[in-house]
């Protein structure tokens, strides 16, 4: 018994039961289909890789979009809070401005009233001093008048010696003459005492009134100083509020700028997402097309394999195909002959 068979095959080996040109054509077509199938599989792998990259990019864009949406919501809330705070601050500033105007007007009124009170006190003080000087002049005049009366009385009724002997008829007129100047002296002393008492009483009243006016002046100065302190404190508070308002306004402008930038970024990401969705749809379409082509190639391969199986059933020839560099396909047929 002798036999012959195929010895070498580079990629695929098939068995056939008979020789003929039909088997070689089927093998060549089958090899071409397998090459096309391999190329399609490579393309599908590349497209699947691209699709995975696109999916990852899309997921990343979705995550960034979600993060930006959260940031936009947070910035919107902060912006609303800043707007509410700014409105509240503006209202508080208006109230403080109105209060400051009232305080300034009150300070001006108090200052004018203090000046008027000071002028009135000075005027009353001058009047009191004038009255005091007039009373002093009157008292001085009364004293001078009493002194003149005393001197005139002494000159009219000179004093007599007690040792001089007098008769009873002469003693009575002398006593009468002597009693009159004593009465004048007593009256003068009474006038002097009343003038001194009146002057002291007037001086006491004037001094008490001066002390009262001085106390009133000191109290008015104290109230004026307190009002000035309150006004300065309010002015400092208003300045601080104005500075805070300017700071809030700058922060509000910065928030608006950040919101505009975030909105621009969101629009850019949306546009990129739309573009990526379009590219993904194109890639998906291409993948589906290649899958259909792959399915068609697989169908053709199945058909070729079925045809090859039919040929195998009819022939008993070994068919060997091999490929070499240069895209050349070599087919080697070996017919096995069985001798009994």
C-alpha atoms as a PDB file:
ATOM      1  CA  UNK A   1       0.000   0.000   0.000  1.00  0.00           C
ATOM      2  CA  UNK A   2       1.405   3.446  -1.012  1.00  0.00           C
ATOM      3  CA  UNK A   3       0.177   7.041  -0.240  1.00  0.00           C
ATOM      4  CA  UNK A   4       1.058  10.728  -0.872  1.00  0.00           C
ATOM      5  CA  UNK A   5       0.045  13.757   1.283  1.00  0.00           C
ATOM      6  CA  UNK A   6       0.549  17.515   1.805  1.00  0.00           C
ATOM      7  CA  UNK A   7       3.647  18.257   3.830  1.00  0.00           C
ATOM      8  CA  UNK A   8       3.658  22.032   4.624  1.00  0.00           C
ATOM      9  CA  UNK A   9       1.041  24.784   5.222  1.00  0.00           C
ATOM     10  CA  UNK A  10       1.687  28.311   6.464  1.00  0.00           C
ATOM     11  CA  UNK A  11      -1.719  29.302   7.761  1.00  0.00           C
ATOM     12  CA  UNK A  12      -4.593  26.988   6.853  1.00  0.00           C
ATOM     13  CA  UNK A  13      -4.783  23.325   5.728  1.00  0.00           C
ATOM     14  CA  UNK A  14      -7.804  21.636   4.263  1.00  0.00           C
ATOM     15  CA  UNK A  15      -8.522  18.113   3.095  1.00  0.00           C
ATOM     16  CA  UNK A  16     -10.245  17.346  -0.181  1.00  0.00           C
ATOM     17  CA  UNK A  17     -11.389  14.016  -1.593  1.00  0.00           C
ATOM     18  CA  UNK A  18     -10.697  14.745  -5.251  1.00  0.00           C
ATOM     19  CA  UNK A  19      -8.630  16.916  -7.526  1.00  0.00           C
ATOM     20  CA  UNK A  20      -9.855  19.678  -9.789  1.00  0.00           C
ATOM     21  CA  UNK A  21      -9.835  23.424 -10.374  1.00  0.00           C
ATOM     22  CA  UNK A  22     -13.005  23.960  -8.301  1.00  0.00           C
ATOM     23  CA  UNK A  23     -11.281  23.055  -5.059  1.00  0.00           C
ATOM     24  CA  UNK A  24      -8.467  25.564  -5.625  1.00  0.00           C
ATOM     25  CA  UNK A  25     -10.940  28.355  -6.402  1.00  0.00           C
ATOM     26  CA  UNK A  26     -12.894  27.602  -3.275  1.00  0.00           C
ATOM     27  CA  UNK A  27      -9.706  27.623  -1.177  1.00  0.00           C
ATOM     28  CA  UNK A  28      -8.535  30.922  -2.672  1.00  0.00           C
ATOM     29  CA  UNK A  29     -11.919  32.530  -2.083  1.00  0.00           C
ATOM     30  CA  UNK A  30     -11.967  31.169   1.431  1.00  0.00           C
ATOM     31  CA  UNK A  31      -8.486  32.557   2.137  1.00  0.00           C
ATOM     32  CA  UNK A  32      -9.525  35.951   0.759  1.00  0.00           C
ATOM     33  CA  UNK A  33     -12.611  35.925   2.934  1.00  0.00           C
ATOM     34  CA  UNK A  34     -10.504  35.057   5.950  1.00  0.00           C
ATOM     35  CA  UNK A  35      -8.092  37.897   5.130  1.00  0.00           C
ATOM     36  CA  UNK A  36     -11.016  40.290   4.767  1.00  0.00           C
ATOM     37  CA  UNK A  37     -12.416  38.950   8.005  1.00  0.00           C
ATOM     38  CA  UNK A  38      -9.094  39.532   9.768  1.00  0.00           C
ATOM     39  CA  UNK A  39      -8.884  43.067   8.421  1.00  0.00           C
ATOM     40  CA  UNK A  40     -12.446  43.729   9.491  1.00  0.00           C
ATOM     41  CA  UNK A  41     -11.700  42.362  12.936  1.00  0.00           C
ATOM     42  CA  UNK A  42      -8.685  44.677  13.186  1.00  0.00           C
ATOM     43  CA  UNK A  43     -10.820  47.610  12.092  1.00  0.00           C
ATOM     44  CA  UNK A  44     -13.503  46.638  14.573  1.00  0.00           C
ATOM     45  CA  UNK A  45     -10.941  46.445  17.371  1.00  0.00           C
ATOM     46  CA  UNK A  46      -9.628  49.872  16.436  1.00  0.00           C
ATOM     47  CA  UNK A  47     -13.139  51.245  16.273  1.00  0.00           C
ATOM     48  CA  UNK A  48     -13.973  49.639  19.598  1.00  0.00           C
ATOM     49  CA  UNK A  49     -10.866  51.225  21.104  1.00  0.00           C
ATOM     50  CA  UNK A  50     -11.910  54.570  19.646  1.00  0.00           C
ATOM     51  CA  UNK A  51     -15.392  53.987  20.968  1.00  0.00           C
ATOM     52  CA  UNK A  52     -14.036  53.254  24.455  1.00  0.00           C
ATOM     53  CA  UNK A  53     -11.928  56.396  24.300  1.00  0.00           C
ATOM     54  CA  UNK A  54     -14.973  58.364  23.193  1.00  0.00           C
ATOM     55  CA  UNK A  55     -17.029  56.860  25.999  1.00  0.00           C
ATOM     56  CA  UNK A  56     -14.376  57.707  28.582  1.00  0.00           C
ATOM     57  CA  UNK A  57     -14.125  61.224  27.189  1.00  0.00           C
ATOM     58  CA  UNK A  58     -17.885  61.541  27.249  1.00  0.00           C
ATOM     59  CA  UNK A  59     -18.048  60.277  30.839  1.00  0.00           C
ATOM     60  CA  UNK A  60     -15.319  62.717  31.829  1.00  0.00           C
ATOM     61  CA  UNK A  61     -17.196  65.537  30.123  1.00  0.00           C
ATOM     62  CA  UNK A  62     -20.385  64.449  31.893  1.00  0.00           C
ATOM     63  CA  UNK A  63     -18.598  64.448  35.252  1.00  0.00           C
ATOM     64  CA  UNK A  64     -17.090  67.870  34.573  1.00  0.00           C
ATOM     65  CA  UNK A  65     -20.488  69.085  33.432  1.00  0.00           C
ATOM     66  CA  UNK A  66     -22.067  67.792  36.649  1.00  0.00           C
ATOM     67  CA  UNK A  67     -19.308  69.418  38.724  1.00  0.00           C
ATOM     68  CA  UNK A  68     -19.759  72.677  36.869  1.00  0.00           C
ATOM     69  CA  UNK A  69     -23.516  72.456  37.339  1.00  0.00           C
ATOM     70  CA  UNK A  70     -22.992  72.026  41.084  1.00  0.00           C
ATOM     71  CA  UNK A  71     -20.565  74.959  41.072  1.00  0.00           C
ATOM     72  CA  UNK A  72     -23.053  77.071  39.129  1.00  0.00           C
ATOM     73  CA  UNK A  73     -25.804  76.188  41.613  1.00  0.00           C
ATOM     74  CA  UNK A  74     -23.527  77.034  44.538  1.00  0.00           C
ATOM     75  CA  UNK A  75     -22.428  80.284  42.921  1.00  0.00           C
ATOM     76  CA  UNK A  76     -26.059  81.130  42.138  1.00  0.00           C
ATOM     77  CA  UNK A  77     -26.958  80.551  45.788  1.00  0.00           C
ATOM     78  CA  UNK A  78     -23.996  82.641  46.901  1.00  0.00           C
ATOM     79  CA  UNK A  79     -25.008  85.297  44.403  1.00  0.00           C
ATOM     80  CA  UNK A  80     -28.564  85.324  45.731  1.00  0.00           C
ATOM     81  CA  UNK A  81     -27.231  85.531  49.284  1.00  0.00           C
ATOM     82  CA  UNK A  82     -24.887  88.336  48.244  1.00  0.00           C
ATOM     83  CA  UNK A  83     -27.764  90.156  46.540  1.00  0.00           C
ATOM     84  CA  UNK A  84     -29.927  89.752  49.640  1.00  0.00           C
ATOM     85  CA  UNK A  85     -27.053  90.841  51.869  1.00  0.00           C
ATOM     86  CA  UNK A  86     -26.314  93.782  49.582  1.00  0.00           C
ATOM     87  CA  UNK A  87     -29.953  94.888  49.640  1.00  0.00           C
ATOM     88  CA  UNK A  88     -30.033  94.528  53.423  1.00  0.00           C
ATOM     89  CA  UNK A  89     -26.746  96.407  53.646  1.00  0.00           C
ATOM     90  CA  UNK A  90     -28.044  99.152  51.334  1.00  0.00           C
ATOM     91  CA  UNK A  91     -31.166  99.472  53.475  1.00  0.00           C
ATOM     92  CA  UNK A  92     -29.052  99.594  56.633  1.00  0.00           C
ATOM     93  CA  UNK A  93     -26.801 102.186  54.985  1.00  0.00           C
ATOM     94  CA  UNK A  94     -29.805 104.325  54.089  1.00  0.00           C
ATOM     95  CA  UNK A  95     -31.057 104.097  57.665  1.00  0.00           C
ATOM     96  CA  UNK A  96     -27.607 104.948  59.027  1.00  0.00           C
ATOM     97  CA  UNK A  97     -27.313 107.861  56.605  1.00  0.00           C
ATOM     98  CA  UNK A  98     -30.688 109.155  57.751  1.00  0.00           C
ATOM     99  CA  UNK A  99     -29.648 108.688  61.380  1.00  0.00           C
ATOM    100  CA  UNK A 100     -26.345 110.413  60.672  1.00  0.00           C
ATOM    101  CA  UNK A 101     -28.155 113.363  59.109  1.00  0.00           C
ATOM    102  CA  UNK A 102     -30.420 113.543  62.151  1.00  0.00           C
ATOM    103  CA  UNK A 103     -27.413 113.424  64.467  1.00  0.00           C
ATOM    104  CA  UNK A 104     -25.639 116.108  62.476  1.00  0.00           C
ATOM    105  CA  UNK A 105     -28.726 118.290  62.596  1.00  0.00           C
ATOM    106  CA  UNK A 106     -29.057 117.567  66.317  1.00  0.00           C
ATOM    107  CA  UNK A 107     -25.398 118.440  66.812  1.00  0.00           C
ATOM    108  CA  UNK A 108     -25.849 121.690  64.932  1.00  0.00           C
ATOM    109  CA  UNK A 109     -28.940 122.485  66.997  1.00  0.00           C
ATOM    110  CA  UNK A 110     -27.115 121.603  70.211  1.00  0.00           C
ATOM    111  CA  UNK A 111     -24.136 123.668  69.127  1.00  0.00           C
ATOM    112  CA  UNK A 112     -26.345 126.645  68.337  1.00  0.00           C
ATOM    113  CA  UNK A 113     -28.240 126.184  71.584  1.00  0.00           C
ATOM    114  CA  UNK A 114     -24.947 125.916  73.460  1.00  0.00           C
ATOM    115  CA  UNK A 115     -23.702 129.105  71.855  1.00  0.00           C
ATOM    116  CA  UNK A 116     -26.980 130.845  72.668  1.00  0.00           C
ATOM    117  CA  UNK A 117     -26.842 129.544  76.247  1.00  0.00           C
ATOM    118  CA  UNK A 118     -23.236 130.688  76.565  1.00  0.00           C
ATOM    119  CA  UNK A 119     -24.112 134.131  75.266  1.00  0.00           C
ATOM    120  CA  UNK A 120     -27.110 134.277  77.592  1.00  0.00           C
ATOM    121  CA  UNK A 121     -24.972 133.215  80.556  1.00  0.00           C
ATOM    122  CA  UNK A 122     -22.339 135.789  79.672  1.00  0.00           C
ATOM    123  CA  UNK A 123     -25.043 138.431  79.357  1.00  0.00           C
ATOM    124  CA  UNK A 124     -26.553 137.479  82.712  1.00  0.00           C
ATOM    125  CA  UNK A 125     -23.089 137.414  84.259  1.00  0.00           C
ATOM    126  CA  UNK A 126     -22.389 140.901  82.950  1.00  0.00           C
ATOM    127  CA  UNK A 127     -25.785 142.079  84.222  1.00  0.00           C
ATOM    128  CA  UNK A 128     -25.075 140.586  87.645  1.00  0.00           C
ATOM    129  CA  UNK A 129     -21.659 142.238  87.743  1.00  0.00           C
ATOM    130  CA  UNK A 130     -23.254 145.548  86.708  1.00  0.00           C
ATOM    131  CA  UNK A 131     -25.912 145.204  89.428  1.00  0.00           C
ATOM    132  CA  UNK A 132     -23.245 144.332  91.955  1.00  0.00           C
ATOM    133  CA  UNK A 133     -21.205 147.374  90.979  1.00  0.00           C
ATOM    134  CA  UNK A 134     -24.313 149.548  91.252  1.00  0.00           C
ATOM    135  CA  UNK A 135     -25.077 148.149  94.701  1.00  0.00           C
ATOM    136  CA  UNK A 136     -21.475 148.729  95.730  1.00  0.00           C
ATOM    137  CA  UNK A 137     -21.680 152.298  94.465  1.00  0.00           C
ATOM    138  CA  UNK A 138     -24.943 152.832  96.329  1.00  0.00           C
ATOM    139  CA  UNK A 139     -23.423 151.395  99.491  1.00  0.00           C
ATOM    140  CA  UNK A 140     -20.355 153.576  99.059  1.00  0.00           C
ATOM    141  CA  UNK A 141     -22.546 156.618  98.597  1.00  0.00           C
ATOM    142  CA  UNK A 142     -24.545 155.737 101.696  1.00  0.00           C
ATOM    143  CA  UNK A 143     -21.365 155.332 103.706  1.00  0.00           C
ATOM    144  CA  UNK A 144     -20.068 158.656 102.455  1.00  0.00           C
ATOM    145  CA  UNK A 145     -23.359 160.300 103.262  1.00  0.00           C
ATOM    146  CA  UNK A 146     -23.346 158.812 106.765  1.00  0.00           C
ATOM    147  CA  UNK A 147     -19.809 160.018 107.271  1.00  0.00           C
ATOM    148  CA  UNK A 148     -20.784 163.518 106.164  1.00  0.00           C
ATOM    149  CA  UNK A 149     -23.805 163.523 108.487  1.00  0.00           C
ATOM    150  CA  UNK A 150     -21.658 162.345 111.375  1.00  0.00           C
ATOM    151  CA  UNK A 151     -19.077 165.027 110.733  1.00  0.00           C
ATOM    152  CA  UNK A 152     -21.755 167.701 110.425  1.00  0.00           C
ATOM    153  CA  UNK A 153     -23.356 166.515 113.672  1.00  0.00           C
ATOM    154  CA  UNK A 154     -20.058 166.668 115.488  1.00  0.00           C
ATOM    155  CA  UNK A 155     -19.451 170.163 114.175  1.00  0.00           C
ATOM    156  CA  UNK A 156     -22.905 171.393 115.200  1.00  0.00           C
ATOM    157  CA  UNK A 157     -22.942 169.746 118.633  1.00  0.00           C
ATOM    158  CA  UNK A 158     -19.443 169.538 119.972  1.00  0.00           C
ATOM    159  CA  UNK A 159     -18.874 167.309 122.985  1.00  0.00           C
ATOM    160  CA  UNK A 160     -18.868 169.095 126.472  1.00  0.00           C
ATOM    161  CA  UNK A 161     -16.878 168.268 129.568  1.00  0.00           C
ATOM    162  CA  UNK A 162     -18.665 166.304 132.250  1.00  0.00           C
ATOM    163  CA  UNK A 163     -16.893 168.182 135.028  1.00  0.00           C
ATOM    164  CA  UNK A 164     -18.437 171.527 134.103  1.00  0.00           C
ATOM    165  CA  UNK A 165     -20.959 172.667 136.643  1.00  0.00           C
ATOM    166  CA  UNK A 166     -24.334 173.546 135.257  1.00  0.00           C
ATOM    167  CA  UNK A 167     -27.555 174.696 136.706  1.00  0.00           C
ATOM    168  CA  UNK A 168     -30.729 172.668 136.443  1.00  0.00           C
ATOM    169  CA  UNK A 169     -32.279 175.212 134.085  1.00  0.00           C
ATOM    170  CA  UNK A 170     -29.401 174.823 131.646  1.00  0.00           C
ATOM    171  CA  UNK A 171     -29.030 171.027 131.884  1.00  0.00           C
ATOM    172  CA  UNK A 172     -32.325 170.165 130.163  1.00  0.00           C
ATOM    173  CA  UNK A 173     -31.708 172.088 126.935  1.00  0.00           C
ATOM    174  CA  UNK A 174     -28.252 170.695 126.770  1.00  0.00           C
ATOM    175  CA  UNK A 175     -29.569 167.200 127.205  1.00  0.00           C
ATOM    176  CA  UNK A 176     -32.079 167.846 124.482  1.00  0.00           C
ATOM    177  CA  UNK A 177     -29.352 169.126 122.216  1.00  0.00           C
ATOM    178  CA  UNK A 178     -27.152 166.165 123.019  1.00  0.00           C
ATOM    179  CA  UNK A 179     -29.875 163.531 122.413  1.00  0.00           C
ATOM    180  CA  UNK A 180     -30.531 164.654 118.841  1.00  0.00           C
ATOM    181  CA  UNK A 181     -27.074 163.872 117.448  1.00  0.00           C
ATOM    182  CA  UNK A 182     -27.154 160.502 119.172  1.00  0.00           C
ATOM    183  CA  UNK A 183     -30.353 159.719 117.367  1.00  0.00           C
ATOM    184  CA  UNK A 184     -28.774 160.774 114.105  1.00  0.00           C
ATOM    185  CA  UNK A 185     -25.743 158.599 114.793  1.00  0.00           C
ATOM    186  CA  UNK A 186     -27.965 155.643 115.635  1.00  0.00           C
ATOM    187  CA  UNK A 187     -29.929 156.154 112.453  1.00  0.00           C
ATOM    188  CA  UNK A 188     -26.729 156.420 110.467  1.00  0.00           C
ATOM    189  CA  UNK A 189     -25.450 153.197 112.004  1.00  0.00           C
ATOM    190  CA  UNK A 190     -28.746 151.517 111.243  1.00  0.00           C
ATOM    191  CA  UNK A 191     -28.519 152.747 107.646  1.00  0.00           C
ATOM    192  CA  UNK A 192     -24.955 151.481 107.411  1.00  0.00           C
ATOM    193  CA  UNK A 193     -25.887 148.104 108.879  1.00  0.00           C
ATOM    194  CA  UNK A 194     -28.883 147.763 106.590  1.00  0.00           C
ATOM    195  CA  UNK A 195     -26.750 148.777 103.594  1.00  0.00           C
ATOM    196  CA  UNK A 196     -24.038 146.272 104.547  1.00  0.00           C
ATOM    197  CA  UNK A 197     -26.636 143.531 105.140  1.00  0.00           C
ATOM    198  CA  UNK A 198     -28.337 144.355 101.844  1.00  0.00           C
ATOM    199  CA  UNK A 199     -24.996 144.340 100.051  1.00  0.00           C
ATOM    200  CA  UNK A 200     -24.071 141.007 101.594  1.00  0.00           C
ATOM    201  CA  UNK A 201     -27.464 139.604 100.744  1.00  0.00           C
ATOM    202  CA  UNK A 202     -27.175 140.858  97.183  1.00  0.00           C
ATOM    203  CA  UNK A 203     -23.620 139.541  96.963  1.00  0.00           C
ATOM    204  CA  UNK A 204     -24.767 136.118  98.197  1.00  0.00           C
ATOM    205  CA  UNK A 205     -27.589 136.025  95.664  1.00  0.00           C
ATOM    206  CA  UNK A 206     -25.262 137.143  92.898  1.00  0.00           C
ATOM    207  CA  UNK A 207     -22.621 134.588  93.842  1.00  0.00           C
ATOM    208  CA  UNK A 208     -25.250 131.816  94.061  1.00  0.00           C
ATOM    209  CA  UNK A 209     -26.608 132.808  90.666  1.00  0.00           C
ATOM    210  CA  UNK A 210     -23.107 132.918  89.191  1.00  0.00           C
ATOM    211  CA  UNK A 211     -22.377 129.453  90.579  1.00  0.00           C
ATOM    212  CA  UNK A 212     -25.667 128.177  89.148  1.00  0.00           C
ATOM    213  CA  UNK A 213     -24.880 129.666  85.754  1.00  0.00           C
ATOM    214  CA  UNK A 214     -21.376 128.211  85.858  1.00  0.00           C
ATOM    215  CA  UNK A 215     -22.815 124.778  86.677  1.00  0.00           C
ATOM    216  CA  UNK A 216     -25.305 125.148  83.840  1.00  0.00           C
ATOM    217  CA  UNK A 217     -22.471 126.100  81.513  1.00  0.00           C
ATOM    218  CA  UNK A 218     -20.408 123.086  82.600  1.00  0.00           C
ATOM    219  CA  UNK A 219     -23.398 120.776  82.153  1.00  0.00           C
ATOM    220  CA  UNK A 220     -24.044 122.218  78.718  1.00  0.00           C
ATOM    221  CA  UNK A 221     -20.398 121.707  77.770  1.00  0.00           C
ATOM    222  CA  UNK A 222     -20.571 118.113  79.020  1.00  0.00           C
ATOM    223  CA  UNK A 223     -23.719 117.412  76.991  1.00  0.00           C
ATOM    224  CA  UNK A 224     -22.118 119.020  73.984  1.00  0.00           C
ATOM    225  CA  UNK A 225     -19.005 116.827  74.392  1.00  0.00           C
ATOM    226  CA  UNK A 226     -21.125 113.679  74.714  1.00  0.00           C
ATOM    227  CA  UNK A 227     -23.078 114.626  71.610  1.00  0.00           C
ATOM    228  CA  UNK A 228     -19.840 115.173  69.695  1.00  0.00           C
ATOM    229  CA  UNK A 229     -18.541 111.776  70.860  1.00  0.00           C
ATOM    230  CA  UNK A 230     -21.763 110.045  69.784  1.00  0.00           C
ATOM    231  CA  UNK A 231     -21.621 111.803  66.435  1.00  0.00           C
ATOM    232  CA  UNK A 232     -18.004 110.782  65.848  1.00  0.00           C
ATOM    233  CA  UNK A 233     -18.822 107.201  66.837  1.00  0.00           C
ATOM    234  CA  UNK A 234     -21.733 107.168  64.396  1.00  0.00           C
ATOM    235  CA  UNK A 235     -19.514 108.632  61.694  1.00  0.00           C
ATOM    236  CA  UNK A 236     -16.946 105.855  62.265  1.00  0.00           C
ATOM    237  CA  UNK A 237     -19.733 103.265  62.120  1.00  0.00           C
ATOM    238  CA  UNK A 238     -21.043 104.747  58.889  1.00  0.00           C
ATOM    239  CA  UNK A 239     -17.541 104.742  57.390  1.00  0.00           C
ATOM    240  CA  UNK A 240     -17.077 101.089  58.380  1.00  0.00           C
ATOM    241  CA  UNK A 241     -20.444 100.240  56.860  1.00  0.00           C
ATOM    242  CA  UNK A 242     -19.525 102.079  53.672  1.00  0.00           C
ATOM    243  CA  UNK A 243     -16.229 100.169  53.470  1.00  0.00           C
ATOM    244  CA  UNK A 244     -18.075  96.886  54.068  1.00  0.00           C
ATOM    245  CA  UNK A 245     -20.615  97.843  51.421  1.00  0.00           C
ATOM    246  CA  UNK A 246     -17.850  98.549  48.913  1.00  0.00           C
ATOM    247  CA  UNK A 247     -16.233  95.194  49.779  1.00  0.00           C
ATOM    248  CA  UNK A 248     -19.569  93.415  49.297  1.00  0.00           C
ATOM    249  CA  UNK A 249     -20.022  95.196  45.990  1.00  0.00           C
ATOM    250  CA  UNK A 250     -16.567  94.056  44.820  1.00  0.00           C
ATOM    251  CA  UNK A 251     -17.334  90.491  45.911  1.00  0.00           C
ATOM    252  CA  UNK A 252     -20.654  90.703  44.083  1.00  0.00           C
ATOM    253  CA  UNK A 253     -18.874  91.793  40.893  1.00  0.00           C
ATOM    254  CA  UNK A 254     -16.322  88.980  41.302  1.00  0.00           C
ATOM    255  CA  UNK A 255     -19.142  86.475  41.751  1.00  0.00           C
ATOM    256  CA  UNK A 256     -20.820  87.772  38.607  1.00  0.00           C
ATOM    257  CA  UNK A 257     -17.557  87.411  36.673  1.00  0.00           C
ATOM    258  CA  UNK A 258     -17.050  83.887  38.006  1.00  0.00           C
ATOM    259  CA  UNK A 259     -20.635  83.020  37.092  1.00  0.00           C
ATOM    260  CA  UNK A 260     -20.133  84.342  33.556  1.00  0.00           C
ATOM    261  CA  UNK A 261     -16.913  82.343  33.200  1.00  0.00           C
ATOM    262  CA  UNK A 262     -18.594  79.200  34.508  1.00  0.00           C
ATOM    263  CA  UNK A 263     -21.498  79.705  32.110  1.00  0.00           C
ATOM    264  CA  UNK A 264     -19.042  80.113  29.233  1.00  0.00           C
ATOM    265  CA  UNK A 265     -17.218  76.927  30.297  1.00  0.00           C
ATOM    266  CA  UNK A 266     -20.529  75.061  30.497  1.00  0.00           C
ATOM    267  CA  UNK A 267     -21.428  76.223  26.997  1.00  0.00           C
ATOM    268  CA  UNK A 268     -18.015  75.091  25.728  1.00  0.00           C
ATOM    269  CA  UNK A 269     -18.413  71.708  27.407  1.00  0.00           C
ATOM    270  CA  UNK A 270     -21.918  71.382  26.000  1.00  0.00           C
ATOM    271  CA  UNK A 271     -20.633  72.124  22.518  1.00  0.00           C
ATOM    272  CA  UNK A 272     -17.787  69.639  22.976  1.00  0.00           C
ATOM    273  CA  UNK A 273     -20.258  67.094  24.315  1.00  0.00           C
ATOM    274  CA  UNK A 274     -22.498  67.605  21.290  1.00  0.00           C
ATOM    275  CA  UNK A 275     -19.506  67.188  18.998  1.00  0.00           C
ATOM    276  CA  UNK A 276     -18.412  64.059  20.859  1.00  0.00           C
ATOM    277  CA  UNK A 277     -21.939  62.703  20.680  1.00  0.00           C
ATOM    278  CA  UNK A 278     -21.896  63.275  16.922  1.00  0.00           C
ATOM    279  CA  UNK A 279     -18.513  61.563  16.635  1.00  0.00           C
ATOM    280  CA  UNK A 280     -19.746  58.737  18.849  1.00  0.00           C
ATOM    281  CA  UNK A 281     -22.813  58.309  16.672  1.00  0.00           C
ATOM    282  CA  UNK A 282     -20.620  58.221  13.569  1.00  0.00           C
ATOM    283  CA  UNK A 283     -18.307  55.699  15.239  1.00  0.00           C
ATOM    284  CA  UNK A 284     -21.285  53.595  16.313  1.00  0.00           C
ATOM    285  CA  UNK A 285     -22.619  53.705  12.754  1.00  0.00           C
ATOM    286  CA  UNK A 286     -19.252  52.644  11.396  1.00  0.00           C
ATOM    287  CA  UNK A 287     -19.004  49.851  13.972  1.00  0.00           C
ATOM    288  CA  UNK A 288     -22.456  48.642  13.041  1.00  0.00           C
ATOM    289  CA  UNK A 289     -21.569  48.793   9.343  1.00  0.00           C
ATOM    290  CA  UNK A 290     -18.374  46.852   9.943  1.00  0.00           C
ATOM    291  CA  UNK A 291     -20.293  44.403  12.062  1.00  0.00           C
ATOM    292  CA  UNK A 292     -22.710  43.893   9.203  1.00  0.00           C
ATOM    293  CA  UNK A 293     -19.786  43.454   6.837  1.00  0.00           C
ATOM    294  CA  UNK A 294     -18.240  41.034   9.329  1.00  0.00           C
ATOM    295  CA  UNK A 295     -21.461  39.093   9.533  1.00  0.00           C
ATOM    296  CA  UNK A 296     -21.655  39.032   5.737  1.00  0.00           C
ATOM    297  CA  UNK A 297     -18.038  37.852   5.564  1.00  0.00           C
ATOM    298  CA  UNK A 298     -18.777  35.209   8.161  1.00  0.00           C
ATOM    299  CA  UNK A 299     -21.781  34.148   6.118  1.00  0.00           C
ATOM    300  CA  UNK A 300     -19.627  33.958   3.016  1.00  0.00           C
ATOM    301  CA  UNK A 301     -17.011  32.014   4.986  1.00  0.00           C
ATOM    302  CA  UNK A 302     -19.684  29.639   6.205  1.00  0.00           C
ATOM    303  CA  UNK A 303     -20.922  29.259   2.649  1.00  0.00           C
ATOM    304  CA  UNK A 304     -17.388  28.620   1.418  1.00  0.00           C
ATOM    305  CA  UNK A 305     -16.804  26.143   4.214  1.00  0.00           C
ATOM    306  CA  UNK A 306     -20.039  24.388   3.325  1.00  0.00           C
ATOM    307  CA  UNK A 307     -18.967  24.261  -0.301  1.00  0.00           C
ATOM    308  CA  UNK A 308     -15.578  22.989   0.800  1.00  0.00           C
ATOM    309  CA  UNK A 309     -17.185  20.296   2.893  1.00  0.00           C
ATOM    310  CA  UNK A 310     -19.263  19.273  -0.115  1.00  0.00           C
ATOM    311  CA  UNK A 311     -16.105  19.118  -2.199  1.00  0.00           C
ATOM    312  CA  UNK A 312     -14.392  17.143   0.566  1.00  0.00           C
ATOM    313  CA  UNK A 313     -17.217  14.695   0.462  1.00  0.00           C
ATOM    314  CA  UNK A 314     -16.662  14.175  -3.270  1.00  0.00           C
ATOM    315  CA  UNK A 315     -12.885  14.124  -3.419  1.00  0.00           C
ATOM    316  CA  UNK A 316     -10.100  12.582  -1.392  1.00  0.00           C
ATOM    317  CA  UNK A 317      -7.327  14.980  -2.217  1.00  0.00           C
ATOM    318  CA  UNK A 318      -5.200  16.865   0.319  1.00  0.00           C
ATOM    319  CA  UNK A 319      -5.097  20.564  -0.493  1.00  0.00           C
ATOM    320  CA  UNK A 320      -2.467  22.693   1.189  1.00  0.00           C
ATOM    321  CA  UNK A 321      -2.240  26.459   0.871  1.00  0.00           C
ATOM    322  CA  UNK A 322       0.625  28.630   1.913  1.00  0.00           C
ATOM    323  CA  UNK A 323       1.380  32.334   1.830  1.00  0.00           C
ATOM    324  CA  UNK A 324       4.728  33.935   1.282  1.00  0.00           C
ATOM    325  CA  UNK A 325       5.816  37.562   1.427  1.00  0.00           C
ATOM    326  CA  UNK A 326       4.512  39.522  -1.529  1.00  0.00           C
ATOM    327  CA  UNK A 327       0.843  38.569  -1.006  1.00  0.00           C
ATOM    328  CA  UNK A 328       1.209  35.397  -3.098  1.00  0.00           C
ATOM    329  CA  UNK A 329      -0.774  32.269  -2.306  1.00  0.00           C
ATOM    330  CA  UNK A 330       0.565  28.844  -3.189  1.00  0.00           C
ATOM    331  CA  UNK A 331      -1.703  25.840  -3.396  1.00  0.00           C
ATOM    332  CA  UNK A 332      -0.254  22.371  -3.239  1.00  0.00           C
ATOM    333  CA  UNK A 333      -2.368  19.355  -4.025  1.00  0.00           C
ATOM    334  CA  UNK A 334      -1.351  15.845  -3.120  1.00  0.00           C
ATOM    335  CA  UNK A 335      -3.495  12.963  -4.212  1.00  0.00           C
ATOM    336  CA  UNK A 336      -3.436   9.980  -2.017  1.00  0.00           C
ATOM    337  CA  UNK A 337      -3.801   6.695  -3.869  1.00  0.00           C
ATOM    338  CA  UNK A 338      -4.765   3.696  -1.882  1.00  0.00           C
ATOM    339  CA  UNK A 339      -3.837   0.328  -3.413  1.00  0.00           C
ATOM    340  CA  UNK A 340      -5.204  -2.829  -1.995  1.00  0.00           C
END
